[in-house]
Each structure stands twice: as structure tokens, then as C-alpha cells.
Amino acid sequence: MKHIAIILLAWLSITNQTSQDLYVCKNARVSLYSSAPIEDIKAVTNSAGSVFNASTGDLAFNVTISSFHFEKELMQEHFNSDYMESDKFPRATFKGKIQEHVDLTKDGSYPITAVGDLTVHGVTQKRNIPGTLTVKNGTVTMITEFMVKCADHHISIPQIVFHNIAESIKMNVSATYTPYKTN
């Protein structure tokens, strides 16, 4: 909850927008999947935060790395300490803009592309991330699936576990937004 407030305050101060155009998601689902010869690795968090400005297309995401839950406790421990160094790099973020203008008053599913900066493990990369924005009865949902290369974000995979972890990790994100209310 605290990270949503930080994102929102920063957003309002930077964009100088009124709250009527803002949509907030406090419980976005982010999952990761690594398929490797020895073992598949899966993790999920339901506590990512996001802010979307419908007027400008600006979009921001914030994910606390240590919030990912794994099936095996040891995987979670290694993920946080050895690979993601979540004490040093506690968050992954995306700040960008949706390229297409979508009329949020009309129900439907619309292909979108978010262009911006993805920061993982302290390394920022420019990304074009395709997805779908769906409007149904006034509810706005965004989903996407994309790959993240470990090497692009200086995430080292020791040779000893090279067959356990893929070089690219599949990310799935689903966020349902509600209009931001100042009350």
C-alpha cells in the first residue's frame, strides 16, 4: 500500500494532472516462469502497484522483489539473495506510456503497446511491451506477457546451476484498475 502512495504522489507532482484521469491498481498479479532442462521455476506476487493516466497514456508499475512466492522455500531464498539481491535492489519498476489512445467509455479489448523503461536489478532497459487493455462495464484491465533476459539486467547465473535457470524469464502481468478517488 505504501508503494502505491509513493507512486501516486510522484506521479501527481510530475504530471500535474487532476485525479479524474488516474486509475490505480494496488494488487496487480505478476508471475515469472523459467523453463530449463532440469527444473521449471515459477513464482507469483499479487501485490504489485500500478498507476495509469488515461488522458496521457502514462503508465507506472512497481513490484517488490521479495513479494514473489515460490513453491519451494529454497528457490525463494536463492532468488532473493543470490540472483535478484533483493536487499540491494528491492524493486522492479516500469515507467512508460501506452502508445494507443483507448476510449475507456466503450467496452472492448484493445491491443496496446507500452513503451518505456524497465528497471530490474538496478539496470534500466528501454522496452516495447505489447499487451491488451480491456474495458468491461467501466472496469479497466491490462494484461501482458513478455520475456526478460537475465543478462540484460546483469543477473548472473552461476555455471553450476546453468541447467536449472533459463537465460530468459517469461513474465505475465495482470492489473485491474479503479478510478483514483481523492477522498
N, C-alpha and C. Protein backbone atom coordinates (compact mmCIF):
# COMPACT_ATOMS: atom_id res chain seq x y z
N MET A 1 0.83 -1.19 0.00
CA MET A 1 0.00 0.00 0.00
C MET A 1 0.88 1.26 0.00
N LYS A 2 1.97 1.21 0.75
CA LYS A 2 2.86 2.35 0.84
C LYS A 2 3.46 2.68 -0.52
N HIS A 3 3.81 1.64 -1.31
CA HIS A 3 4.42 1.90 -2.61
C HIS A 3 3.44 2.55 -3.58
N ILE A 4 2.14 2.28 -3.45
CA ILE A 4 1.13 2.93 -4.29
C ILE A 4 1.09 4.42 -3.98
N ALA A 5 1.12 4.76 -2.70
CA ALA A 5 1.09 6.17 -2.30
C ALA A 5 2.31 6.91 -2.84
N ILE A 6 3.46 6.28 -2.78
CA ILE A 6 4.69 6.90 -3.29
C ILE A 6 4.59 7.11 -4.80
N ILE A 7 4.14 6.10 -5.52
CA ILE A 7 3.99 6.22 -6.98
C ILE A 7 3.01 7.33 -7.31
N LEU A 8 1.88 7.35 -6.61
CA LEU A 8 0.83 8.31 -6.90
C LEU A 8 1.29 9.74 -6.61
N LEU A 9 1.94 9.95 -5.48
CA LEU A 9 2.43 11.30 -5.15
C LEU A 9 3.47 11.76 -6.18
N ALA A 10 4.39 10.90 -6.54
CA ALA A 10 5.38 11.24 -7.55
C ALA A 10 4.70 11.54 -8.88
N TRP A 11 3.74 10.73 -9.22
CA TRP A 11 3.01 10.88 -10.47
C TRP A 11 2.31 12.23 -10.53
N LEU A 12 1.57 12.56 -9.47
CA LEU A 12 0.83 13.82 -9.46
C LEU A 12 1.77 15.02 -9.51
N SER A 13 2.90 14.94 -8.84
CA SER A 13 3.82 16.07 -8.85
C SER A 13 4.51 16.22 -10.20
N ILE A 14 4.78 15.12 -10.87
CA ILE A 14 5.46 15.19 -12.17
C ILE A 14 4.50 15.59 -13.28
N THR A 15 3.32 14.97 -13.31
CA THR A 15 2.41 15.19 -14.43
C THR A 15 1.50 16.38 -14.23
N ASN A 16 1.33 16.84 -12.99
CA ASN A 16 0.47 17.97 -12.69
C ASN A 16 -0.94 17.73 -13.20
N GLN A 17 -1.40 16.49 -13.09
CA GLN A 17 -2.72 16.10 -13.58
C GLN A 17 -3.74 16.09 -12.44
N THR A 18 -4.98 16.20 -12.81
CA THR A 18 -6.04 16.03 -11.83
C THR A 18 -6.27 14.53 -11.62
N SER A 19 -6.89 14.21 -10.52
CA SER A 19 -7.09 12.78 -10.21
C SER A 19 -8.17 12.14 -11.08
N GLN A 20 -8.98 12.91 -11.80
CA GLN A 20 -10.06 12.32 -12.57
C GLN A 20 -9.59 11.42 -13.71
N ASP A 21 -8.37 11.60 -14.17
CA ASP A 21 -7.83 10.80 -15.27
C ASP A 21 -7.01 9.61 -14.78
N LEU A 22 -6.83 9.50 -13.48
CA LEU A 22 -5.95 8.48 -12.93
C LEU A 22 -6.70 7.23 -12.53
N TYR A 23 -6.06 6.10 -12.84
CA TYR A 23 -6.57 4.79 -12.44
C TYR A 23 -5.46 4.10 -11.66
N VAL A 24 -5.85 3.39 -10.61
CA VAL A 24 -4.89 2.77 -9.71
C VAL A 24 -5.19 1.28 -9.57
N CYS A 25 -4.13 0.50 -9.50
CA CYS A 25 -4.23 -0.93 -9.18
C CYS A 25 -3.28 -1.20 -8.02
N LYS A 26 -3.81 -1.73 -6.93
CA LYS A 26 -3.00 -1.99 -5.74
C LYS A 26 -2.59 -3.45 -5.62
N ASN A 27 -3.15 -4.30 -6.44
CA ASN A 27 -2.90 -5.74 -6.32
C ASN A 27 -2.69 -6.41 -7.67
N ALA A 28 -1.83 -5.83 -8.47
CA ALA A 28 -1.53 -6.43 -9.78
C ALA A 28 -0.84 -7.78 -9.56
N ARG A 29 -1.16 -8.70 -10.42
CA ARG A 29 -0.56 -10.04 -10.36
C ARG A 29 0.60 -10.08 -11.35
N VAL A 30 1.77 -10.45 -10.85
CA VAL A 30 2.95 -10.61 -11.68
C VAL A 30 3.49 -12.01 -11.43
N SER A 31 3.64 -12.77 -12.50
CA SER A 31 4.21 -14.11 -12.34
C SER A 31 5.43 -14.23 -13.25
N LEU A 32 6.34 -15.07 -12.81
CA LEU A 32 7.52 -15.35 -13.61
C LEU A 32 7.64 -16.86 -13.79
N TYR A 33 8.21 -17.22 -14.93
CA TYR A 33 8.35 -18.64 -15.26
C TYR A 33 9.67 -18.84 -15.99
N SER A 34 10.44 -19.80 -15.52
CA SER A 34 11.70 -20.17 -16.13
C SER A 34 11.64 -21.65 -16.47
N SER A 35 11.77 -21.97 -17.74
CA SER A 35 11.79 -23.36 -18.16
C SER A 35 13.22 -23.73 -18.53
N ALA A 36 13.77 -24.69 -17.80
CA ALA A 36 15.14 -25.13 -18.04
C ALA A 36 15.16 -26.66 -18.07
N PRO A 37 16.23 -27.26 -18.62
CA PRO A 37 16.28 -28.72 -18.76
C PRO A 37 16.06 -29.49 -17.45
N ILE A 38 16.57 -29.00 -16.35
CA ILE A 38 16.49 -29.76 -15.09
C ILE A 38 15.22 -29.44 -14.31
N GLU A 39 14.80 -28.17 -14.34
CA GLU A 39 13.71 -27.78 -13.44
C GLU A 39 13.01 -26.53 -13.94
N ASP A 40 11.68 -26.50 -13.83
CA ASP A 40 10.92 -25.29 -14.10
C ASP A 40 10.80 -24.50 -12.81
N ILE A 41 10.86 -23.19 -12.93
CA ILE A 41 10.76 -22.32 -11.76
C ILE A 41 9.58 -21.39 -11.99
N LYS A 42 8.69 -21.33 -10.99
CA LYS A 42 7.51 -20.47 -11.05
C LYS A 42 7.42 -19.66 -9.77
N ALA A 43 6.99 -18.42 -9.92
CA ALA A 43 6.76 -17.56 -8.76
C ALA A 43 5.67 -16.55 -9.10
N VAL A 44 5.01 -16.05 -8.07
CA VAL A 44 3.93 -15.09 -8.29
C VAL A 44 3.85 -14.11 -7.12
N THR A 45 3.43 -12.90 -7.44
CA THR A 45 3.06 -11.92 -6.42
C THR A 45 1.74 -11.29 -6.83
N ASN A 46 0.94 -10.97 -5.85
CA ASN A 46 -0.33 -10.29 -6.09
C ASN A 46 -0.33 -8.92 -5.44
N SER A 47 0.85 -8.35 -5.27
CA SER A 47 0.93 -7.08 -4.55
C SER A 47 1.69 -5.99 -5.31
N ALA A 48 1.77 -6.13 -6.63
CA ALA A 48 2.40 -5.07 -7.42
C ALA A 48 1.44 -3.88 -7.50
N GLY A 49 1.99 -2.69 -7.62
CA GLY A 49 1.18 -1.49 -7.72
C GLY A 49 1.35 -0.84 -9.08
N SER A 50 0.30 -0.17 -9.54
CA SER A 50 0.37 0.49 -10.83
C SER A 50 -0.54 1.71 -10.85
N VAL A 51 -0.13 2.70 -11.63
CA VAL A 51 -0.92 3.90 -11.86
C VAL A 51 -0.98 4.13 -13.37
N PHE A 52 -2.17 4.44 -13.87
CA PHE A 52 -2.39 4.67 -15.29
C PHE A 52 -3.12 5.99 -15.47
N ASN A 53 -2.58 6.86 -16.30
CA ASN A 53 -3.22 8.13 -16.62
C ASN A 53 -3.91 7.96 -17.98
N ALA A 54 -5.22 7.91 -17.97
CA ALA A 54 -5.98 7.65 -19.19
C ALA A 54 -5.85 8.78 -20.21
N SER A 55 -5.63 10.00 -19.76
CA SER A 55 -5.51 11.14 -20.69
C SER A 55 -4.21 11.15 -21.44
N THR A 56 -3.12 10.83 -20.75
CA THR A 56 -1.79 10.93 -21.37
C THR A 56 -1.24 9.58 -21.83
N GLY A 57 -1.80 8.48 -21.28
CA GLY A 57 -1.27 7.16 -21.58
C GLY A 57 -0.12 6.76 -20.66
N ASP A 58 0.29 7.66 -19.76
CA ASP A 58 1.40 7.34 -18.84
C ASP A 58 1.03 6.15 -17.97
N LEU A 59 2.02 5.28 -17.77
CA LEU A 59 1.81 4.05 -17.03
C LEU A 59 3.03 3.79 -16.16
N ALA A 60 2.80 3.42 -14.89
CA ALA A 60 3.89 3.09 -13.98
C ALA A 60 3.54 1.82 -13.21
N PHE A 61 4.54 0.96 -13.03
CA PHE A 61 4.42 -0.26 -12.23
C PHE A 61 5.54 -0.30 -11.21
N ASN A 62 5.25 -0.91 -10.07
CA ASN A 62 6.24 -1.06 -9.00
C ASN A 62 6.02 -2.44 -8.37
N VAL A 63 7.05 -3.28 -8.39
CA VAL A 63 6.95 -4.64 -7.84
C VAL A 63 8.04 -4.81 -6.80
N THR A 64 7.66 -5.22 -5.60
CA THR A 64 8.63 -5.53 -4.56
C THR A 64 9.15 -6.94 -4.84
N ILE A 65 10.44 -7.07 -5.06
CA ILE A 65 11.05 -8.34 -5.46
C ILE A 65 10.80 -9.43 -4.41
N SER A 66 10.93 -9.10 -3.14
CA SER A 66 10.77 -10.12 -2.09
C SER A 66 9.32 -10.57 -1.92
N SER A 67 8.38 -9.95 -2.63
CA SER A 67 6.97 -10.37 -2.52
C SER A 67 6.65 -11.58 -3.39
N PHE A 68 7.57 -12.00 -4.26
CA PHE A 68 7.33 -13.19 -5.08
C PHE A 68 7.35 -14.43 -4.20
N HIS A 69 6.37 -15.30 -4.41
CA HIS A 69 6.28 -16.55 -3.65
C HIS A 69 6.54 -17.73 -4.59
N PHE A 70 7.38 -18.64 -4.14
CA PHE A 70 7.77 -19.83 -4.91
C PHE A 70 7.18 -21.07 -4.25
N GLU A 71 7.08 -22.15 -5.02
CA GLU A 71 6.62 -23.42 -4.48
C GLU A 71 7.61 -23.97 -3.45
N LYS A 72 8.89 -23.78 -3.72
CA LYS A 72 9.93 -24.28 -2.84
C LYS A 72 10.59 -23.11 -2.11
N GLU A 73 10.66 -23.20 -0.81
CA GLU A 73 11.23 -22.13 0.01
C GLU A 73 12.69 -21.84 -0.36
N LEU A 74 13.45 -22.90 -0.67
CA LEU A 74 14.85 -22.72 -1.02
C LEU A 74 15.00 -21.91 -2.31
N MET A 75 14.11 -22.13 -3.29
CA MET A 75 14.14 -21.34 -4.52
C MET A 75 13.92 -19.87 -4.21
N GLN A 76 12.97 -19.59 -3.33
CA GLN A 76 12.67 -18.22 -2.96
C GLN A 76 13.88 -17.56 -2.29
N GLU A 77 14.53 -18.30 -1.43
CA GLU A 77 15.71 -17.79 -0.73
C GLU A 77 16.83 -17.46 -1.73
N HIS A 78 17.11 -18.40 -2.65
CA HIS A 78 18.16 -18.17 -3.64
C HIS A 78 17.80 -17.03 -4.60
N PHE A 79 16.55 -16.97 -4.99
CA PHE A 79 16.07 -15.90 -5.87
C PHE A 79 16.37 -14.53 -5.26
N ASN A 80 16.02 -14.36 -3.98
CA ASN A 80 16.20 -13.07 -3.31
C ASN A 80 17.65 -12.76 -2.97
N SER A 81 18.39 -13.75 -2.49
CA SER A 81 19.76 -13.46 -2.04
C SER A 81 20.80 -13.58 -3.14
N ASP A 82 20.74 -14.64 -3.94
CA ASP A 82 21.81 -14.92 -4.91
C ASP A 82 21.62 -14.23 -6.27
N TYR A 83 20.39 -14.18 -6.76
CA TYR A 83 20.17 -13.71 -8.13
C TYR A 83 19.67 -12.27 -8.17
N MET A 84 18.57 -12.00 -7.48
CA MET A 84 17.97 -10.67 -7.54
C MET A 84 18.54 -9.69 -6.52
N GLU A 85 19.25 -10.21 -5.53
CA GLU A 85 19.84 -9.36 -4.49
C GLU A 85 18.81 -8.34 -3.99
N SER A 86 17.67 -8.87 -3.53
CA SER A 86 16.54 -8.00 -3.19
C SER A 86 16.81 -7.05 -2.03
N ASP A 87 17.82 -7.31 -1.21
CA ASP A 87 18.19 -6.33 -0.19
C ASP A 87 18.81 -5.09 -0.83
N LYS A 88 19.58 -5.30 -1.88
CA LYS A 88 20.26 -4.20 -2.58
C LYS A 88 19.36 -3.55 -3.63
N PHE A 89 18.54 -4.37 -4.30
CA PHE A 89 17.64 -3.90 -5.36
C PHE A 89 16.22 -4.36 -5.02
N PRO A 90 15.53 -3.68 -4.11
CA PRO A 90 14.26 -4.17 -3.58
C PRO A 90 13.07 -4.12 -4.54
N ARG A 91 13.17 -3.34 -5.62
CA ARG A 91 12.02 -3.17 -6.50
C ARG A 91 12.39 -3.30 -7.98
N ALA A 92 11.40 -3.72 -8.74
CA ALA A 92 11.47 -3.64 -10.19
C ALA A 92 10.39 -2.63 -10.59
N THR A 93 10.69 -1.79 -11.57
CA THR A 93 9.73 -0.77 -11.97
C THR A 93 9.62 -0.69 -13.49
N PHE A 94 8.49 -0.19 -13.92
CA PHE A 94 8.30 0.18 -15.33
C PHE A 94 7.66 1.56 -15.34
N LYS A 95 8.23 2.46 -16.13
CA LYS A 95 7.67 3.80 -16.31
C LYS A 95 7.64 4.05 -17.80
N GLY A 96 6.44 4.25 -18.33
CA GLY A 96 6.34 4.47 -19.76
C GLY A 96 5.01 5.05 -20.16
N LYS A 97 4.67 4.79 -21.41
CA LYS A 97 3.46 5.37 -21.99
C LYS A 97 2.82 4.36 -22.94
N ILE A 98 1.51 4.25 -22.83
CA ILE A 98 0.77 3.42 -23.78
C ILE A 98 0.61 4.23 -25.06
N GLN A 99 0.99 3.64 -26.16
CA GLN A 99 1.04 4.36 -27.43
C GLN A 99 -0.33 4.61 -28.04
N GLU A 100 -1.27 3.73 -27.80
CA GLU A 100 -2.59 3.84 -28.39
C GLU A 100 -3.54 4.57 -27.43
N HIS A 101 -4.40 5.40 -27.97
CA HIS A 101 -5.44 6.02 -27.13
C HIS A 101 -6.66 5.11 -27.16
N VAL A 102 -7.12 4.73 -25.97
CA VAL A 102 -8.29 3.85 -25.86
C VAL A 102 -9.41 4.64 -25.19
N ASP A 103 -10.58 4.58 -25.78
CA ASP A 103 -11.77 5.23 -25.21
C ASP A 103 -12.30 4.33 -24.09
N LEU A 104 -12.09 4.75 -22.85
CA LEU A 104 -12.47 3.92 -21.70
C LEU A 104 -13.97 3.92 -21.44
N THR A 105 -14.73 4.65 -22.26
CA THR A 105 -16.19 4.62 -22.11
C THR A 105 -16.83 3.53 -22.97
N LYS A 106 -16.01 2.86 -23.79
CA LYS A 106 -16.53 1.82 -24.70
C LYS A 106 -15.96 0.46 -24.31
N ASP A 107 -16.85 -0.49 -24.03
CA ASP A 107 -16.42 -1.86 -23.72
C ASP A 107 -15.70 -2.47 -24.93
N GLY A 108 -14.70 -3.28 -24.63
CA GLY A 108 -13.98 -3.98 -25.68
C GLY A 108 -12.57 -4.32 -25.23
N SER A 109 -11.89 -5.10 -26.06
CA SER A 109 -10.48 -5.44 -25.83
C SER A 109 -9.66 -4.79 -26.92
N TYR A 110 -8.58 -4.14 -26.50
CA TYR A 110 -7.78 -3.35 -27.42
C TYR A 110 -6.31 -3.73 -27.31
N PRO A 111 -5.65 -4.01 -28.44
CA PRO A 111 -4.20 -4.25 -28.38
C PRO A 111 -3.49 -2.94 -28.06
N ILE A 112 -2.50 -3.01 -27.18
CA ILE A 112 -1.74 -1.83 -26.80
C ILE A 112 -0.25 -2.17 -26.77
N THR A 113 0.56 -1.13 -26.79
CA THR A 113 2.00 -1.27 -26.61
C THR A 113 2.44 -0.21 -25.62
N ALA A 114 3.09 -0.65 -24.55
CA ALA A 114 3.66 0.27 -23.57
C ALA A 114 5.14 0.43 -23.90
N VAL A 115 5.57 1.65 -24.10
CA VAL A 115 6.97 1.95 -24.41
C VAL A 115 7.54 2.73 -23.23
N GLY A 116 8.67 2.23 -22.71
CA GLY A 116 9.25 2.93 -21.58
C GLY A 116 10.47 2.23 -21.03
N ASP A 117 10.75 2.50 -19.76
CA ASP A 117 11.94 2.00 -19.08
C ASP A 117 11.58 0.92 -18.07
N LEU A 118 12.16 -0.25 -18.25
CA LEU A 118 12.01 -1.35 -17.31
C LEU A 118 13.30 -1.42 -16.49
N THR A 119 13.16 -1.28 -15.17
CA THR A 119 14.32 -1.34 -14.29
C THR A 119 14.21 -2.59 -13.43
N VAL A 120 15.17 -3.47 -13.58
CA VAL A 120 15.25 -4.71 -12.81
C VAL A 120 16.70 -4.86 -12.36
N HIS A 121 16.91 -5.20 -11.10
CA HIS A 121 18.25 -5.44 -10.57
C HIS A 121 19.14 -4.21 -10.75
N GLY A 122 18.51 -3.03 -10.68
CA GLY A 122 19.26 -1.78 -10.78
C GLY A 122 19.66 -1.38 -12.18
N VAL A 123 19.23 -2.14 -13.19
CA VAL A 123 19.60 -1.86 -14.58
C VAL A 123 18.34 -1.50 -15.36
N THR A 124 18.39 -0.36 -16.04
CA THR A 124 17.24 0.13 -16.80
C THR A 124 17.44 -0.16 -18.28
N GLN A 125 16.40 -0.72 -18.89
CA GLN A 125 16.40 -1.03 -20.32
C GLN A 125 15.16 -0.42 -20.96
N LYS A 126 15.31 0.14 -22.15
CA LYS A 126 14.16 0.61 -22.93
C LYS A 126 13.41 -0.63 -23.42
N ARG A 127 12.09 -0.59 -23.30
CA ARG A 127 11.29 -1.74 -23.72
C ARG A 127 10.03 -1.30 -24.46
N ASN A 128 9.61 -2.11 -25.42
CA ASN A 128 8.29 -2.03 -26.06
C ASN A 128 7.56 -3.29 -25.63
N ILE A 129 6.54 -3.13 -24.80
CA ILE A 129 5.85 -4.29 -24.24
C ILE A 129 4.43 -4.33 -24.77
N PRO A 130 4.11 -5.37 -25.56
CA PRO A 130 2.75 -5.49 -26.09
C PRO A 130 1.80 -6.04 -25.02
N GLY A 131 0.55 -5.69 -25.14
CA GLY A 131 -0.44 -6.19 -24.19
C GLY A 131 -1.84 -5.96 -24.70
N THR A 132 -2.78 -6.17 -23.80
CA THR A 132 -4.20 -5.97 -24.11
C THR A 132 -4.83 -5.16 -22.99
N LEU A 133 -5.56 -4.13 -23.37
CA LEU A 133 -6.35 -3.35 -22.43
C LEU A 133 -7.80 -3.70 -22.68
N THR A 134 -8.51 -4.11 -21.63
CA THR A 134 -9.91 -4.49 -21.74
C THR A 134 -10.75 -3.56 -20.88
N VAL A 135 -11.85 -3.08 -21.46
CA VAL A 135 -12.82 -2.28 -20.73
C VAL A 135 -14.12 -3.08 -20.70
N LYS A 136 -14.63 -3.31 -19.50
CA LYS A 136 -15.90 -4.02 -19.36
C LYS A 136 -16.68 -3.42 -18.20
N ASN A 137 -17.82 -2.84 -18.52
CA ASN A 137 -18.68 -2.22 -17.52
C ASN A 137 -17.91 -1.21 -16.66
N GLY A 138 -17.05 -0.43 -17.29
CA GLY A 138 -16.31 0.60 -16.58
C GLY A 138 -15.05 0.14 -15.88
N THR A 139 -14.79 -1.17 -15.90
CA THR A 139 -13.57 -1.71 -15.28
C THR A 139 -12.48 -1.82 -16.34
N VAL A 140 -11.29 -1.34 -15.99
CA VAL A 140 -10.15 -1.35 -16.91
C VAL A 140 -9.16 -2.41 -16.44
N THR A 141 -8.80 -3.32 -17.34
CA THR A 141 -7.83 -4.37 -17.05
C THR A 141 -6.76 -4.35 -18.13
N MET A 142 -5.50 -4.53 -17.70
CA MET A 142 -4.39 -4.65 -18.65
C MET A 142 -3.67 -5.97 -18.38
N ILE A 143 -3.33 -6.67 -19.45
CA ILE A 143 -2.54 -7.89 -19.33
C ILE A 143 -1.41 -7.87 -20.36
N THR A 144 -0.33 -8.56 -20.01
CA THR A 144 0.78 -8.67 -20.94
C THR A 144 1.59 -9.93 -20.61
N GLU A 145 2.32 -10.38 -21.60
CA GLU A 145 3.30 -11.45 -21.42
C GLU A 145 4.53 -11.03 -22.22
N PHE A 146 5.69 -11.05 -21.57
CA PHE A 146 6.92 -10.67 -22.25
C PHE A 146 8.10 -11.39 -21.61
N MET A 147 9.22 -11.37 -22.28
CA MET A 147 10.43 -12.04 -21.81
C MET A 147 11.42 -11.01 -21.27
N VAL A 148 12.14 -11.42 -20.23
CA VAL A 148 13.22 -10.60 -19.68
C VAL A 148 14.49 -11.45 -19.69
N LYS A 149 15.52 -10.96 -20.37
CA LYS A 149 16.80 -11.66 -20.40
C LYS A 149 17.58 -11.31 -19.14
N CYS A 150 18.03 -12.32 -18.43
CA CYS A 150 18.80 -12.11 -17.20
C CYS A 150 20.04 -11.25 -17.48
N ALA A 151 20.74 -11.53 -18.57
CA ALA A 151 21.98 -10.81 -18.89
C ALA A 151 21.72 -9.32 -19.12
N ASP A 152 20.54 -8.96 -19.66
CA ASP A 152 20.22 -7.56 -19.90
C ASP A 152 20.16 -6.74 -18.62
N HIS A 153 19.94 -7.42 -17.51
CA HIS A 153 19.82 -6.72 -16.22
C HIS A 153 20.92 -7.14 -15.25
N HIS A 154 22.01 -7.67 -15.81
CA HIS A 154 23.20 -8.06 -15.03
C HIS A 154 22.86 -9.03 -13.90
N ILE A 155 21.94 -9.95 -14.19
CA ILE A 155 21.61 -11.01 -13.24
C ILE A 155 22.46 -12.21 -13.61
N SER A 156 23.40 -12.53 -12.74
CA SER A 156 24.35 -13.61 -13.02
C SER A 156 23.76 -14.96 -12.65
N ILE A 157 23.97 -15.92 -13.54
CA ILE A 157 23.58 -17.30 -13.28
C ILE A 157 24.86 -18.12 -13.20
N PRO A 158 25.20 -18.60 -12.02
CA PRO A 158 26.43 -19.39 -11.87
C PRO A 158 26.41 -20.64 -12.77
N GLN A 159 27.55 -21.01 -13.29
CA GLN A 159 27.67 -22.15 -14.19
C GLN A 159 27.11 -23.43 -13.56
N ILE A 160 27.25 -23.57 -12.26
CA ILE A 160 26.80 -24.79 -11.58
C ILE A 160 25.28 -25.00 -11.67
N VAL A 161 24.52 -23.91 -11.80
CA VAL A 161 23.05 -24.03 -11.89
C VAL A 161 22.54 -23.59 -13.26
N PHE A 162 23.44 -23.50 -14.25
CA PHE A 162 23.07 -23.04 -15.57
C PHE A 162 21.93 -23.85 -16.19
N HIS A 163 21.87 -25.15 -15.89
CA HIS A 163 20.81 -26.01 -16.44
C HIS A 163 19.52 -25.94 -15.64
N ASN A 164 19.53 -25.21 -14.51
CA ASN A 164 18.35 -25.07 -13.69
C ASN A 164 17.57 -23.79 -13.98
N ILE A 165 18.23 -22.79 -14.54
CA ILE A 165 17.60 -21.49 -14.74
C ILE A 165 17.78 -21.06 -16.19
N ALA A 166 16.68 -20.66 -16.80
CA ALA A 166 16.73 -20.21 -18.20
C ALA A 166 17.40 -18.84 -18.30
N GLU A 167 17.94 -18.56 -19.47
CA GLU A 167 18.58 -17.26 -19.71
C GLU A 167 17.55 -16.15 -19.85
N SER A 168 16.33 -16.51 -20.24
CA SER A 168 15.22 -15.55 -20.34
C SER A 168 14.07 -16.04 -19.48
N ILE A 169 13.44 -15.10 -18.80
CA ILE A 169 12.34 -15.41 -17.89
C ILE A 169 11.05 -14.85 -18.48
N LYS A 170 10.01 -15.69 -18.53
CA LYS A 170 8.71 -15.25 -19.03
C LYS A 170 7.97 -14.53 -17.90
N MET A 171 7.50 -13.33 -18.19
CA MET A 171 6.75 -12.53 -17.22
C MET A 171 5.30 -12.40 -17.70
N ASN A 172 4.37 -12.57 -16.79
CA ASN A 172 2.95 -12.33 -17.05
C ASN A 172 2.47 -11.31 -16.04
N VAL A 173 1.77 -10.30 -16.53
CA VAL A 173 1.26 -9.24 -15.66
C VAL A 173 -0.22 -9.05 -15.95
N SER A 174 -1.00 -8.93 -14.87
CA SER A 174 -2.43 -8.66 -14.98
C SER A 174 -2.80 -7.64 -13.91
N ALA A 175 -3.39 -6.52 -14.36
CA ALA A 175 -3.75 -5.45 -13.43
C ALA A 175 -5.17 -4.98 -13.72
N THR A 176 -5.98 -4.88 -12.67
CA THR A 176 -7.33 -4.34 -12.78
C THR A 176 -7.36 -3.01 -12.04
N TYR A 177 -7.76 -1.98 -12.75
CA TYR A 177 -7.68 -0.61 -12.25
C TYR A 177 -9.03 -0.09 -11.78
N THR A 178 -8.96 0.80 -10.80
CA THR A 178 -10.14 1.54 -10.35
C THR A 178 -9.79 3.02 -10.44
N PRO A 179 -10.79 3.86 -10.69
CA PRO A 179 -10.51 5.30 -10.74
C PRO A 179 -9.97 5.77 -9.39
N TYR A 180 -8.98 6.66 -9.44
CA TYR A 180 -8.40 7.19 -8.22
C TYR A 180 -9.34 8.23 -7.63
N LYS A 181 -9.65 8.06 -6.37
CA LYS A 181 -10.53 9.00 -5.65
C LYS A 181 -9.69 9.72 -4.61
N THR A 182 -9.86 11.02 -4.51
CA THR A 182 -9.08 11.80 -3.54
C THR A 182 -9.65 11.74 -2.14
N ASN A 183 -10.79 11.12 -1.93
CA ASN A 183 -11.42 11.05 -0.60
C ASN A 183 -10.65 10.15 0.31
